[in-house]
Amino acid sequence: MQALQRHAYRDGAVRFRTLLERFPSERALLDRGRVYLELCERELRRQPAAPNTIEEHLTAATAALNNGDEAGAERLARVVLADDPRHDLALYLLAVIEARRGSADTALSYLERAVEISPEAGAQARFDGDFESLRETETFRRLTANSAPPTQYRRLRRRGER
């Protein structure tokens, strides 16, 4: 049940199958176990395919970030950077992740690299609530100074953004 509640459907399915095999004479347990196993299997069928392109990785990273999965978002953004070390959106996402974690220096380093590649990243950061903890730093002010509101920046919009 814990695996099911964590949305770890693959692990849950394995555990429910094991339960069904170990207690074949427990009718009530089998009935519930089959229901939960079917739920896990249905969710596994619904899950999207693994991302293949850079855009799919960025979309998945943004979705993971929206769902509070910073580790998953970081992993996906790093896949993009392994392919293109100067990808501004992947660098921006890593800056957001580090800012959320409270790692100001690392966040500012990633943000600075993103802004060097695409000045629009500074405009986006200026209005991004995830950088609230960095707003008073000199580096953040420098990176976002003279930034007009973002208009055409390609970064994927996340929940809760202005």
C-alpha atoms as a PDB file:
ATOM      1  CA  MET A   1       0.000   0.000   0.000  1.00  0.00           C
ATOM      2  CA  GLN A   2       2.894   2.369   0.704  1.00  0.00           C
ATOM      3  CA  ALA A   3       4.247   1.874  -2.815  1.00  0.00           C
ATOM      4  CA  LEU A   4       0.794   2.566  -4.238  1.00  0.00           C
ATOM      5  CA  GLN A   5       0.438   5.733  -2.157  1.00  0.00           C
ATOM      6  CA  ARG A   6       3.879   6.942  -3.330  1.00  0.00           C
ATOM      7  CA  HIS A   7       2.762   6.302  -6.932  1.00  0.00           C
ATOM      8  CA  ALA A   8       5.535   3.713  -7.237  1.00  0.00           C
ATOM      9  CA  TYR A   9       3.251   1.547  -9.344  1.00  0.00           C
ATOM     10  CA  ARG A  10       5.897  -0.856 -10.642  1.00  0.00           C
ATOM     11  CA  ASP A  11       7.070  -1.647  -7.103  1.00  0.00           C
ATOM     12  CA  GLY A  12       3.468  -1.873  -5.908  1.00  0.00           C
ATOM     13  CA  ALA A  13       2.545  -4.331  -8.667  1.00  0.00           C
ATOM     14  CA  VAL A  14       5.480  -6.579  -7.774  1.00  0.00           C
ATOM     15  CA  ARG A  15       4.522  -6.530  -4.112  1.00  0.00           C
ATOM     16  CA  PHE A  16       0.832  -7.217  -4.775  1.00  0.00           C
ATOM     17  CA  ARG A  17       1.739 -10.159  -7.062  1.00  0.00           C
ATOM     18  CA  THR A  18       3.968 -11.537  -4.309  1.00  0.00           C
ATOM     19  CA  LEU A  19       1.132 -11.146  -1.814  1.00  0.00           C
ATOM     20  CA  LEU A  20      -1.261 -13.034  -4.108  1.00  0.00           C
ATOM     21  CA  GLU A  21       1.267 -15.861  -4.564  1.00  0.00           C
ATOM     22  CA  ARG A  22       2.080 -16.230  -0.850  1.00  0.00           C
ATOM     23  CA  PHE A  23      -1.472 -16.266   0.499  1.00  0.00           C
ATOM     24  CA  PRO A  24      -3.584 -18.154  -2.060  1.00  0.00           C
ATOM     25  CA  SER A  25      -6.168 -19.244   0.519  1.00  0.00           C
ATOM     26  CA  GLU A  26      -6.901 -15.793   1.994  1.00  0.00           C
ATOM     27  CA  ARG A  27      -9.994 -14.880  -0.033  1.00  0.00           C
ATOM     28  CA  ALA A  28     -10.548 -11.336   1.323  1.00  0.00           C
ATOM     29  CA  LEU A  29      -6.858 -10.522   0.978  1.00  0.00           C
ATOM     30  CA  LEU A  30      -6.811 -11.899  -2.571  1.00  0.00           C
ATOM     31  CA  ASP A  31      -9.835  -9.838  -3.586  1.00  0.00           C
ATOM     32  CA  ARG A  32      -8.306  -6.597  -2.331  1.00  0.00           C
ATOM     33  CA  GLY A  33      -4.875  -7.498  -3.621  1.00  0.00           C
ATOM     34  CA  ARG A  34      -6.249  -8.069  -7.132  1.00  0.00           C
ATOM     35  CA  VAL A  35      -8.029  -4.712  -7.064  1.00  0.00           C
ATOM     36  CA  TYR A  36      -4.844  -2.893  -6.050  1.00  0.00           C
ATOM     37  CA  LEU A  37      -2.751  -4.878  -8.537  1.00  0.00           C
ATOM     38  CA  GLU A  38      -5.138  -3.865 -11.332  1.00  0.00           C
ATOM     39  CA  LEU A  39      -4.888  -0.236 -10.199  1.00  0.00           C
ATOM     40  CA  CYS A  40      -1.074  -0.404 -10.365  1.00  0.00           C
ATOM     41  CA  GLU A  41      -1.147  -2.042 -13.785  1.00  0.00           C
ATOM     42  CA  ARG A  42      -3.652   0.500 -15.112  1.00  0.00           C
ATOM     43  CA  GLU A  43      -1.466   3.381 -13.922  1.00  0.00           C
ATOM     44  CA  LEU A  44       1.620   1.799 -15.479  1.00  0.00           C
ATOM     45  CA  ARG A  45      -0.205   1.605 -18.824  1.00  0.00           C
ATOM     46  CA  ARG A  46      -1.163   5.298 -18.548  1.00  0.00           C
ATOM     47  CA  GLN A  47       2.307   6.612 -17.836  1.00  0.00           C
ATOM     48  CA  PRO A  48       3.857   8.444 -20.759  1.00  0.00           C
ATOM     49  CA  ALA A  49       6.777   7.009 -22.655  1.00  0.00           C
ATOM     50  CA  ALA A  50      10.255   7.979 -21.563  1.00  0.00           C
ATOM     51  CA  PRO A  51      11.425  11.275 -23.069  1.00  0.00           C
ATOM     52  CA  ASN A  52      13.686  11.035 -26.106  1.00  0.00           C
ATOM     53  CA  THR A  53      14.234  14.533 -27.444  1.00  0.00           C
ATOM     54  CA  ILE A  54      15.670  17.572 -25.710  1.00  0.00           C
ATOM     55  CA  GLU A  55      12.240  19.212 -25.684  1.00  0.00           C
ATOM     56  CA  GLU A  56      10.649  16.083 -24.186  1.00  0.00           C
ATOM     57  CA  HIS A  57      13.317  16.004 -21.476  1.00  0.00           C
ATOM     58  CA  LEU A  58      12.719  19.683 -20.683  1.00  0.00           C
ATOM     59  CA  THR A  59       8.956  19.178 -20.596  1.00  0.00           C
ATOM     60  CA  ALA A  60       9.367  16.179 -18.287  1.00  0.00           C
ATOM     61  CA  ALA A  61      11.822  18.128 -16.096  1.00  0.00           C
ATOM     62  CA  THR A  62       9.347  21.004 -15.797  1.00  0.00           C
ATOM     63  CA  ALA A  63       6.535  18.584 -14.930  1.00  0.00           C
ATOM     64  CA  ALA A  64       8.725  16.905 -12.312  1.00  0.00           C
ATOM     65  CA  LEU A  65       9.548  20.293 -10.808  1.00  0.00           C
ATOM     66  CA  ASN A  66       5.849  21.188 -10.721  1.00  0.00           C
ATOM     67  CA  ASN A  67       5.183  17.951  -8.855  1.00  0.00           C
ATOM     68  CA  GLY A  68       7.901  18.632  -6.295  1.00  0.00           C
ATOM     69  CA  ASP A  69      10.279  16.028  -7.710  1.00  0.00           C
ATOM     70  CA  GLU A  70      13.456  18.085  -7.708  1.00  0.00           C
ATOM     71  CA  ALA A  71      15.691  15.018  -8.038  1.00  0.00           C
ATOM     72  CA  GLY A  72      13.801  13.858 -11.133  1.00  0.00           C
ATOM     73  CA  ALA A  73      13.860  17.345 -12.636  1.00  0.00           C
ATOM     74  CA  GLU A  74      17.575  17.615 -11.976  1.00  0.00           C
ATOM     75  CA  ARG A  75      18.276  14.238 -13.585  1.00  0.00           C
ATOM     76  CA  LEU A  76      16.315  15.192 -16.708  1.00  0.00           C
ATOM     77  CA  ALA A  77      17.947  18.627 -17.003  1.00  0.00           C
ATOM     78  CA  ARG A  78      21.384  17.032 -16.678  1.00  0.00           C
ATOM     79  CA  VAL A  79      20.550  14.649 -19.544  1.00  0.00           C
ATOM     80  CA  VAL A  80      19.933  17.724 -21.702  1.00  0.00           C
ATOM     81  CA  LEU A  81      23.205  19.321 -20.568  1.00  0.00           C
ATOM     82  CA  ALA A  82      25.111  16.130 -21.332  1.00  0.00           C
ATOM     83  CA  ASP A  83      23.932  16.525 -24.920  1.00  0.00           C
ATOM     84  CA  ASP A  84      24.221  20.329 -25.043  1.00  0.00           C
ATOM     85  CA  PRO A  85      26.268  21.878 -22.190  1.00  0.00           C
ATOM     86  CA  ARG A  86      25.128  25.376 -23.216  1.00  0.00           C
ATOM     87  CA  HIS A  87      21.385  24.749 -23.169  1.00  0.00           C
ATOM     88  CA  ASP A  88      19.987  27.836 -21.452  1.00  0.00           C
ATOM     89  CA  LEU A  89      16.691  26.271 -20.379  1.00  0.00           C
ATOM     90  CA  ALA A  90      18.349  23.293 -18.723  1.00  0.00           C
ATOM     91  CA  LEU A  91      20.723  25.645 -16.902  1.00  0.00           C
ATOM     92  CA  TYR A  92      17.772  27.795 -15.835  1.00  0.00           C
ATOM     93  CA  LEU A  93      15.924  24.754 -14.448  1.00  0.00           C
ATOM     94  CA  LEU A  94      19.017  23.745 -12.468  1.00  0.00           C
ATOM     95  CA  ALA A  95      19.181  27.298 -11.095  1.00  0.00           C
ATOM     96  CA  VAL A  96      15.551  26.981  -9.962  1.00  0.00           C
ATOM     97  CA  ILE A  97      16.229  23.607  -8.339  1.00  0.00           C
ATOM     98  CA  GLU A  98      19.267  24.914  -6.456  1.00  0.00           C
ATOM     99  CA  ALA A  99      17.396  28.048  -5.374  1.00  0.00           C
ATOM    100  CA  ARG A 100      14.612  25.862  -3.968  1.00  0.00           C
ATOM    101  CA  ARG A 101      17.203  23.815  -2.110  1.00  0.00           C
ATOM    102  CA  GLY A 102      18.692  26.944  -0.595  1.00  0.00           C
ATOM    103  CA  SER A 103      21.999  26.648  -2.464  1.00  0.00           C
ATOM    104  CA  ALA A 104      22.265  30.302  -3.425  1.00  0.00           C
ATOM    105  CA  ASP A 105      25.797  30.254  -4.853  1.00  0.00           C
ATOM    106  CA  THR A 106      25.116  27.225  -7.046  1.00  0.00           C
ATOM    107  CA  ALA A 107      21.764  28.635  -8.169  1.00  0.00           C
ATOM    108  CA  LEU A 108      23.344  31.944  -9.120  1.00  0.00           C
ATOM    109  CA  SER A 109      26.123  30.166 -10.992  1.00  0.00           C
ATOM    110  CA  TYR A 110      23.612  28.241 -13.123  1.00  0.00           C
ATOM    111  CA  LEU A 111      21.502  31.353 -13.634  1.00  0.00           C
ATOM    112  CA  GLU A 112      24.547  33.353 -14.690  1.00  0.00           C
ATOM    113  CA  ARG A 113      25.444  30.736 -17.302  1.00  0.00           C
ATOM    114  CA  ALA A 114      21.847  30.728 -18.594  1.00  0.00           C
ATOM    115  CA  VAL A 115      21.794  34.536 -18.862  1.00  0.00           C
ATOM    116  CA  GLU A 116      25.139  34.570 -20.691  1.00  0.00           C
ATOM    117  CA  ILE A 117      23.620  32.276 -23.315  1.00  0.00           C
ATOM    118  CA  SER A 118      20.185  33.875 -23.391  1.00  0.00           C
ATOM    119  CA  PRO A 119      19.644  37.303 -21.776  1.00  0.00           C
ATOM    120  CA  GLU A 120      15.903  36.559 -21.747  1.00  0.00           C
ATOM    121  CA  ALA A 121      16.613  34.129 -18.890  1.00  0.00           C
ATOM    122  CA  GLY A 122      17.364  37.149 -16.691  1.00  0.00           C
ATOM    123  CA  ALA A 123      14.006  38.657 -17.536  1.00  0.00           C
ATOM    124  CA  GLN A 124      12.292  35.385 -16.718  1.00  0.00           C
ATOM    125  CA  ALA A 125      14.175  35.039 -13.427  1.00  0.00           C
ATOM    126  CA  ARG A 126      13.205  38.545 -12.406  1.00  0.00           C
ATOM    127  CA  PHE A 127       9.549  37.471 -12.256  1.00  0.00           C
ATOM    128  CA  ASP A 128      10.038  33.863 -11.127  1.00  0.00           C
ATOM    129  CA  GLY A 129       8.928  33.252  -7.529  1.00  0.00           C
ATOM    130  CA  ASP A 130      11.419  30.424  -7.125  1.00  0.00           C
ATOM    131  CA  PHE A 131      14.187  33.023  -6.948  1.00  0.00           C
ATOM    132  CA  GLU A 132      12.615  34.977  -4.088  1.00  0.00           C
ATOM    133  CA  SER A 133      15.434  34.022  -1.713  1.00  0.00           C
ATOM    134  CA  LEU A 134      18.020  35.447  -4.143  1.00  0.00           C
ATOM    135  CA  ARG A 135      16.390  38.781  -4.954  1.00  0.00           C
ATOM    136  CA  GLU A 136      18.482  40.783  -2.491  1.00  0.00           C
ATOM    137  CA  THR A 137      21.833  39.440  -3.653  1.00  0.00           C
ATOM    138  CA  GLU A 138      24.033  41.655  -5.766  1.00  0.00           C
ATOM    139  CA  THR A 139      24.569  38.914  -8.341  1.00  0.00           C
ATOM    140  CA  PHE A 140      20.837  38.345  -8.836  1.00  0.00           C
ATOM    141  CA  ARG A 141      20.205  42.075  -9.204  1.00  0.00           C
ATOM    142  CA  ARG A 142      23.002  42.316 -11.757  1.00  0.00           C
ATOM    143  CA  LEU A 143      21.673  39.343 -13.749  1.00  0.00           C
ATOM    144  CA  THR A 144      18.141  40.695 -13.843  1.00  0.00           C
ATOM    145  CA  ALA A 145      18.898  44.427 -14.137  1.00  0.00           C
ATOM    146  CA  ASN A 146      17.399  46.191 -17.124  1.00  0.00           C
ATOM    147  CA  SER A 147      15.250  43.158 -17.863  1.00  0.00           C
ATOM    148  CA  ALA A 148      11.925  43.820 -19.447  1.00  0.00           C
ATOM    149  CA  PRO A 149       9.083  41.444 -18.638  1.00  0.00           C
ATOM    150  CA  PRO A 150       9.645  38.157 -20.460  1.00  0.00           C
ATOM    151  CA  THR A 151       7.777  37.893 -23.738  1.00  0.00           C
ATOM    152  CA  GLN A 152       9.252  35.339 -26.090  1.00  0.00           C
ATOM    153  CA  TYR A 153      11.530  33.377 -23.782  1.00  0.00           C
ATOM    154  CA  ARG A 154      11.186  29.701 -24.599  1.00  0.00           C
ATOM    155  CA  ARG A 155      11.249  28.360 -21.029  1.00  0.00           C
ATOM    156  CA  LEU A 156       8.281  26.214 -20.202  1.00  0.00           C
ATOM    157  CA  ARG A 157       5.794  27.906 -17.913  1.00  0.00           C
ATOM    158  CA  ARG A 158       5.455  26.314 -14.507  1.00  0.00           C
ATOM    159  CA  ARG A 159       2.518  26.296 -12.143  1.00  0.00           C
ATOM    160  CA  GLY A 160       2.315  29.305  -9.867  1.00  0.00           C
ATOM    161  CA  GLU A 161       4.316  31.626 -12.093  1.00  0.00           C
ATOM    162  CA  ARG A 162       3.184  35.109 -12.886  1.00  0.00           C
END
